[in-house]
Amino acid sequence: MEAEAKGLFRRVLLFKFKAETAPDRIDQLIKRYSNLVNLVESLTSWHMGKDVHIQNLHESFTHVFELTFDSPEGAAEYMVHPAHVEFQELLRPHLEKIVVINYKLTAFRDQK
């Protein structure tokens, strides 16, 4: 049986940085991105990882980011927050492509 998980809302992003973006610049951008969790109240957690190529299914995306918000409304507040808008402007010139998935968390329980 499924049930919504306390109104939590998640945003998953896949990035492929442009080849000409230096690794140290990518690191700087990620550090700045991670700080948004300290600046936007509705952003309750921020996680990231790099693709480890276990299968050749990454479609050239190199980084994944997972953001959790207290609600869909909190995610909407994040989208227009000045710190997020500023970060987007810094990031955009360095991205070759991006995929974004937003979803409400659903918990599944065994039916017994």
N, C-alpha and C. Protein backbone atom coordinates (compact mmCIF):
# COMPACT_ATOMS: atom_id res chain seq x y z
N MET A 1 0.85 -1.18 0.00
CA MET A 1 0.00 0.00 0.00
C MET A 1 0.89 1.23 0.00
N GLU A 2 0.52 2.23 -0.75
CA GLU A 2 1.35 3.43 -0.82
C GLU A 2 0.72 4.57 -0.04
N ALA A 3 1.58 5.45 0.46
CA ALA A 3 1.13 6.62 1.19
C ALA A 3 2.15 7.73 0.98
N GLU A 4 1.67 8.97 0.93
CA GLU A 4 2.61 10.08 0.79
C GLU A 4 3.45 10.19 2.06
N ALA A 5 4.71 10.51 1.88
CA ALA A 5 5.65 10.58 2.99
C ALA A 5 5.70 12.00 3.56
N LYS A 6 4.75 12.34 4.41
CA LYS A 6 4.72 13.59 5.16
C LYS A 6 4.90 14.84 4.31
N GLY A 7 4.38 14.87 3.10
CA GLY A 7 4.42 16.05 2.26
C GLY A 7 5.78 16.40 1.68
N LEU A 8 6.79 15.56 1.92
CA LEU A 8 8.12 15.86 1.40
C LEU A 8 8.12 15.85 -0.12
N PHE A 9 8.98 16.67 -0.67
CA PHE A 9 9.05 16.86 -2.11
C PHE A 9 10.52 16.80 -2.51
N ARG A 10 10.81 16.08 -3.57
CA ARG A 10 12.21 15.89 -3.97
C ARG A 10 12.42 16.37 -5.40
N ARG A 11 13.63 16.87 -5.63
CA ARG A 11 14.06 17.35 -6.95
C ARG A 11 15.39 16.67 -7.25
N VAL A 12 15.43 15.94 -8.37
CA VAL A 12 16.64 15.25 -8.80
C VAL A 12 17.11 15.90 -10.10
N LEU A 13 18.39 16.25 -10.14
CA LEU A 13 18.96 16.92 -11.32
C LEU A 13 20.16 16.13 -11.80
N LEU A 14 20.26 15.95 -13.11
CA LEU A 14 21.42 15.33 -13.75
C LEU A 14 22.11 16.41 -14.57
N PHE A 15 23.42 16.55 -14.38
CA PHE A 15 24.18 17.57 -15.11
C PHE A 15 25.23 16.93 -15.98
N LYS A 16 25.44 17.53 -17.13
CA LYS A 16 26.63 17.28 -17.94
C LYS A 16 27.28 18.65 -18.13
N PHE A 17 28.46 18.81 -17.56
CA PHE A 17 29.17 20.07 -17.71
C PHE A 17 29.84 20.15 -19.08
N LYS A 18 30.03 21.35 -19.57
CA LYS A 18 30.72 21.55 -20.84
C LYS A 18 32.17 21.10 -20.71
N ALA A 19 32.71 20.55 -21.77
CA ALA A 19 34.08 20.03 -21.77
C ALA A 19 35.09 21.12 -21.41
N GLU A 20 34.81 22.35 -21.79
CA GLU A 20 35.77 23.43 -21.53
C GLU A 20 35.71 23.97 -20.10
N THR A 21 34.76 23.49 -19.30
CA THR A 21 34.70 23.93 -17.91
C THR A 21 35.74 23.15 -17.10
N ALA A 22 36.67 23.87 -16.52
CA ALA A 22 37.77 23.25 -15.77
C ALA A 22 37.25 22.53 -14.53
N PRO A 23 37.88 21.41 -14.16
CA PRO A 23 37.45 20.67 -12.97
C PRO A 23 37.41 21.53 -11.70
N ASP A 24 38.36 22.45 -11.53
CA ASP A 24 38.33 23.28 -10.32
C ASP A 24 37.14 24.24 -10.34
N ARG A 25 36.71 24.68 -11.53
CA ARG A 25 35.52 25.53 -11.63
C ARG A 25 34.27 24.72 -11.30
N ILE A 26 34.22 23.47 -11.74
CA ILE A 26 33.11 22.59 -11.40
C ILE A 26 33.04 22.42 -9.88
N ASP A 27 34.18 22.20 -9.26
CA ASP A 27 34.22 22.06 -7.80
C ASP A 27 33.71 23.32 -7.10
N GLN A 28 34.10 24.49 -7.60
CA GLN A 28 33.63 25.75 -7.02
C GLN A 28 32.11 25.89 -7.16
N LEU A 29 31.59 25.54 -8.33
CA LEU A 29 30.15 25.62 -8.55
C LEU A 29 29.40 24.67 -7.62
N ILE A 30 29.91 23.46 -7.46
CA ILE A 30 29.24 22.48 -6.59
C ILE A 30 29.27 22.96 -5.14
N LYS A 31 30.38 23.52 -4.71
CA LYS A 31 30.47 24.04 -3.34
C LYS A 31 29.43 25.14 -3.12
N ARG A 32 29.32 26.02 -4.09
CA ARG A 32 28.34 27.09 -3.99
C ARG A 32 26.91 26.54 -4.00
N TYR A 33 26.67 25.54 -4.85
CA TYR A 33 25.36 24.90 -4.91
C TYR A 33 25.01 24.27 -3.56
N SER A 34 25.97 23.59 -2.96
CA SER A 34 25.71 22.91 -1.69
C SER A 34 25.35 23.90 -0.58
N ASN A 35 25.82 25.13 -0.68
CA ASN A 35 25.55 26.12 0.35
C ASN A 35 24.10 26.61 0.33
N LEU A 36 23.36 26.34 -0.75
CA LEU A 36 21.96 26.77 -0.79
C LEU A 36 21.14 26.16 0.33
N VAL A 37 21.53 24.98 0.80
CA VAL A 37 20.79 24.36 1.91
C VAL A 37 20.89 25.22 3.18
N ASN A 38 21.91 26.05 3.28
CA ASN A 38 22.06 26.95 4.42
C ASN A 38 21.35 28.29 4.21
N LEU A 39 20.92 28.56 2.99
CA LEU A 39 20.34 29.86 2.66
C LEU A 39 18.84 29.82 2.39
N VAL A 40 18.33 28.67 2.03
CA VAL A 40 16.91 28.53 1.68
C VAL A 40 16.25 27.63 2.72
N GLU A 41 15.38 28.21 3.52
CA GLU A 41 14.79 27.48 4.65
C GLU A 41 14.02 26.22 4.25
N SER A 42 13.31 26.27 3.13
CA SER A 42 12.48 25.12 2.73
C SER A 42 13.30 23.97 2.16
N LEU A 43 14.58 24.21 1.84
CA LEU A 43 15.47 23.16 1.33
C LEU A 43 16.05 22.43 2.54
N THR A 44 15.55 21.22 2.80
CA THR A 44 15.90 20.51 4.03
C THR A 44 17.12 19.60 3.89
N SER A 45 17.44 19.17 2.67
CA SER A 45 18.66 18.38 2.47
C SER A 45 19.14 18.52 1.04
N TRP A 46 20.46 18.33 0.88
CA TRP A 46 21.12 18.45 -0.42
C TRP A 46 22.18 17.37 -0.48
N HIS A 47 22.12 16.54 -1.52
CA HIS A 47 23.11 15.47 -1.71
C HIS A 47 23.55 15.48 -3.17
N MET A 48 24.77 15.02 -3.40
CA MET A 48 25.25 14.92 -4.77
C MET A 48 26.19 13.74 -4.90
N GLY A 49 26.41 13.35 -6.14
CA GLY A 49 27.38 12.30 -6.43
C GLY A 49 27.80 12.39 -7.89
N LYS A 50 28.89 11.73 -8.19
CA LYS A 50 29.37 11.66 -9.57
C LYS A 50 29.10 10.26 -10.10
N ASP A 51 28.78 10.17 -11.37
CA ASP A 51 28.52 8.87 -11.98
C ASP A 51 29.78 8.01 -11.91
N VAL A 52 29.61 6.74 -11.56
CA VAL A 52 30.75 5.83 -11.44
C VAL A 52 30.78 4.81 -12.58
N HIS A 53 29.95 4.96 -13.58
CA HIS A 53 29.99 4.16 -14.82
C HIS A 53 29.94 2.64 -14.59
N ILE A 54 29.09 2.17 -13.70
CA ILE A 54 28.93 0.73 -13.51
C ILE A 54 28.30 0.12 -14.75
N GLN A 55 27.34 0.83 -15.31
CA GLN A 55 26.73 0.44 -16.58
C GLN A 55 26.88 1.62 -17.52
N ASN A 56 26.85 1.38 -18.78
CA ASN A 56 26.99 2.47 -19.74
C ASN A 56 25.61 3.06 -20.06
N LEU A 57 24.91 3.50 -19.03
CA LEU A 57 23.56 4.04 -19.20
C LEU A 57 23.46 5.51 -18.78
N HIS A 58 24.56 6.15 -18.52
CA HIS A 58 24.57 7.51 -17.99
C HIS A 58 24.27 8.58 -19.03
N GLU A 59 24.28 8.22 -20.31
CA GLU A 59 23.97 9.15 -21.40
C GLU A 59 24.78 10.44 -21.31
N SER A 60 26.00 10.32 -20.84
CA SER A 60 27.00 11.39 -20.72
C SER A 60 26.76 12.35 -19.56
N PHE A 61 25.76 12.10 -18.72
CA PHE A 61 25.60 12.91 -17.52
C PHE A 61 26.67 12.50 -16.52
N THR A 62 27.24 13.48 -15.83
CA THR A 62 28.36 13.19 -14.94
C THR A 62 28.05 13.38 -13.47
N HIS A 63 27.07 14.22 -13.14
CA HIS A 63 26.77 14.54 -11.75
C HIS A 63 25.27 14.42 -11.50
N VAL A 64 24.94 13.97 -10.29
CA VAL A 64 23.53 13.90 -9.88
C VAL A 64 23.39 14.67 -8.56
N PHE A 65 22.28 15.39 -8.46
CA PHE A 65 21.99 16.18 -7.26
C PHE A 65 20.58 15.83 -6.80
N GLU A 66 20.43 15.69 -5.50
CA GLU A 66 19.13 15.34 -4.92
C GLU A 66 18.81 16.34 -3.83
N LEU A 67 17.75 17.11 -4.03
CA LEU A 67 17.33 18.13 -3.09
C LEU A 67 15.99 17.71 -2.50
N THR A 68 15.83 17.89 -1.20
CA THR A 68 14.57 17.57 -0.53
C THR A 68 14.01 18.85 0.08
N PHE A 69 12.71 19.04 -0.13
CA PHE A 69 12.01 20.21 0.37
C PHE A 69 10.91 19.76 1.32
N ASP A 70 10.49 20.68 2.18
CA ASP A 70 9.44 20.35 3.14
C ASP A 70 8.07 20.22 2.50
N SER A 71 7.92 20.74 1.27
CA SER A 71 6.63 20.67 0.58
C SER A 71 6.82 21.13 -0.87
N PRO A 72 5.83 20.87 -1.74
CA PRO A 72 5.91 21.42 -3.10
C PRO A 72 5.96 22.96 -3.09
N GLU A 73 5.28 23.57 -2.14
CA GLU A 73 5.31 25.03 -2.02
C GLU A 73 6.72 25.51 -1.65
N GLY A 74 7.40 24.72 -0.81
CA GLY A 74 8.78 25.05 -0.46
C GLY A 74 9.70 24.99 -1.66
N ALA A 75 9.47 24.03 -2.55
CA ALA A 75 10.26 23.94 -3.78
C ALA A 75 9.99 25.15 -4.67
N ALA A 76 8.74 25.59 -4.72
CA ALA A 76 8.40 26.78 -5.51
C ALA A 76 9.08 28.02 -4.94
N GLU A 77 9.14 28.12 -3.61
CA GLU A 77 9.84 29.24 -2.97
C GLU A 77 11.32 29.21 -3.31
N TYR A 78 11.90 28.03 -3.33
CA TYR A 78 13.32 27.85 -3.67
C TYR A 78 13.60 28.36 -5.08
N MET A 79 12.72 28.07 -6.01
CA MET A 79 12.94 28.43 -7.41
C MET A 79 13.10 29.95 -7.60
N VAL A 80 12.44 30.74 -6.78
CA VAL A 80 12.52 32.20 -6.92
C VAL A 80 13.38 32.86 -5.85
N HIS A 81 13.97 32.06 -4.98
CA HIS A 81 14.82 32.61 -3.93
C HIS A 81 16.03 33.30 -4.59
N PRO A 82 16.38 34.50 -4.14
CA PRO A 82 17.50 35.22 -4.77
C PRO A 82 18.82 34.43 -4.81
N ALA A 83 19.11 33.65 -3.80
CA ALA A 83 20.36 32.86 -3.80
C ALA A 83 20.32 31.79 -4.90
N HIS A 84 19.16 31.17 -5.11
CA HIS A 84 19.03 30.17 -6.17
C HIS A 84 19.11 30.83 -7.55
N VAL A 85 18.42 31.94 -7.72
CA VAL A 85 18.43 32.64 -9.01
C VAL A 85 19.86 33.06 -9.36
N GLU A 86 20.59 33.58 -8.39
CA GLU A 86 21.99 33.98 -8.61
C GLU A 86 22.84 32.77 -8.99
N PHE A 87 22.64 31.65 -8.29
CA PHE A 87 23.41 30.46 -8.60
C PHE A 87 23.12 29.97 -10.02
N GLN A 88 21.85 29.96 -10.41
CA GLN A 88 21.48 29.54 -11.77
C GLN A 88 22.23 30.34 -12.83
N GLU A 89 22.34 31.63 -12.61
CA GLU A 89 23.03 32.49 -13.57
C GLU A 89 24.52 32.14 -13.67
N LEU A 90 25.13 31.76 -12.54
CA LEU A 90 26.53 31.33 -12.56
C LEU A 90 26.71 29.97 -13.22
N LEU A 91 25.76 29.08 -12.99
CA LEU A 91 25.85 27.70 -13.47
C LEU A 91 25.57 27.56 -14.96
N ARG A 92 24.54 28.21 -15.42
CA ARG A 92 24.02 28.01 -16.78
C ARG A 92 25.09 28.01 -17.88
N PRO A 93 26.06 28.93 -17.88
CA PRO A 93 27.05 28.92 -18.96
C PRO A 93 27.97 27.69 -18.98
N HIS A 94 27.97 26.92 -17.88
CA HIS A 94 28.86 25.77 -17.77
C HIS A 94 28.17 24.42 -18.05
N LEU A 95 26.86 24.44 -18.28
CA LEU A 95 26.12 23.21 -18.51
C LEU A 95 25.93 22.94 -19.99
N GLU A 96 26.24 21.71 -20.38
CA GLU A 96 25.93 21.28 -21.75
C GLU A 96 24.50 20.77 -21.82
N LYS A 97 24.11 20.00 -20.78
CA LYS A 97 22.72 19.55 -20.72
C LYS A 97 22.35 19.23 -19.28
N ILE A 98 21.04 19.21 -19.06
CA ILE A 98 20.50 18.99 -17.71
C ILE A 98 19.16 18.26 -17.84
N VAL A 99 18.87 17.41 -16.86
CA VAL A 99 17.56 16.77 -16.71
C VAL A 99 17.10 17.04 -15.29
N VAL A 100 15.83 17.40 -15.13
CA VAL A 100 15.28 17.68 -13.81
C VAL A 100 14.00 16.87 -13.64
N ILE A 101 13.92 16.17 -12.52
CA ILE A 101 12.71 15.42 -12.15
C ILE A 101 12.27 15.91 -10.78
N ASN A 102 11.00 16.27 -10.65
CA ASN A 102 10.42 16.67 -9.36
C ASN A 102 9.35 15.66 -9.00
N TYR A 103 9.31 15.27 -7.72
CA TYR A 103 8.27 14.32 -7.32
C TYR A 103 7.99 14.41 -5.82
N LYS A 104 6.76 14.02 -5.47
CA LYS A 104 6.39 13.89 -4.07
C LYS A 104 6.79 12.49 -3.62
N LEU A 105 7.38 12.40 -2.45
CA LEU A 105 7.82 11.10 -1.95
C LEU A 105 6.61 10.22 -1.63
N THR A 106 6.72 8.97 -1.99
CA THR A 106 5.68 7.98 -1.73
C THR A 106 6.32 6.80 -1.02
N ALA A 107 5.74 6.42 0.09
CA ALA A 107 6.23 5.26 0.83
C ALA A 107 5.36 4.06 0.49
N PHE A 108 5.98 2.91 0.31
CA PHE A 108 5.24 1.67 0.04
C PHE A 108 5.36 0.76 1.24
N ARG A 109 4.25 0.21 1.62
CA ARG A 109 4.22 -0.70 2.77
C ARG A 109 3.73 -2.06 2.29
N ASP A 110 4.25 -3.09 2.92
CA ASP A 110 3.79 -4.45 2.59
C ASP A 110 2.32 -4.60 2.94
N GLN A 111 1.60 -5.27 2.07
CA GLN A 111 0.22 -5.60 2.36
C GLN A 111 0.20 -6.97 3.01
N LYS A 112 -0.19 -7.02 4.24
CA LYS A 112 -0.21 -8.31 4.96
C LYS A 112 -1.61 -8.64 5.39
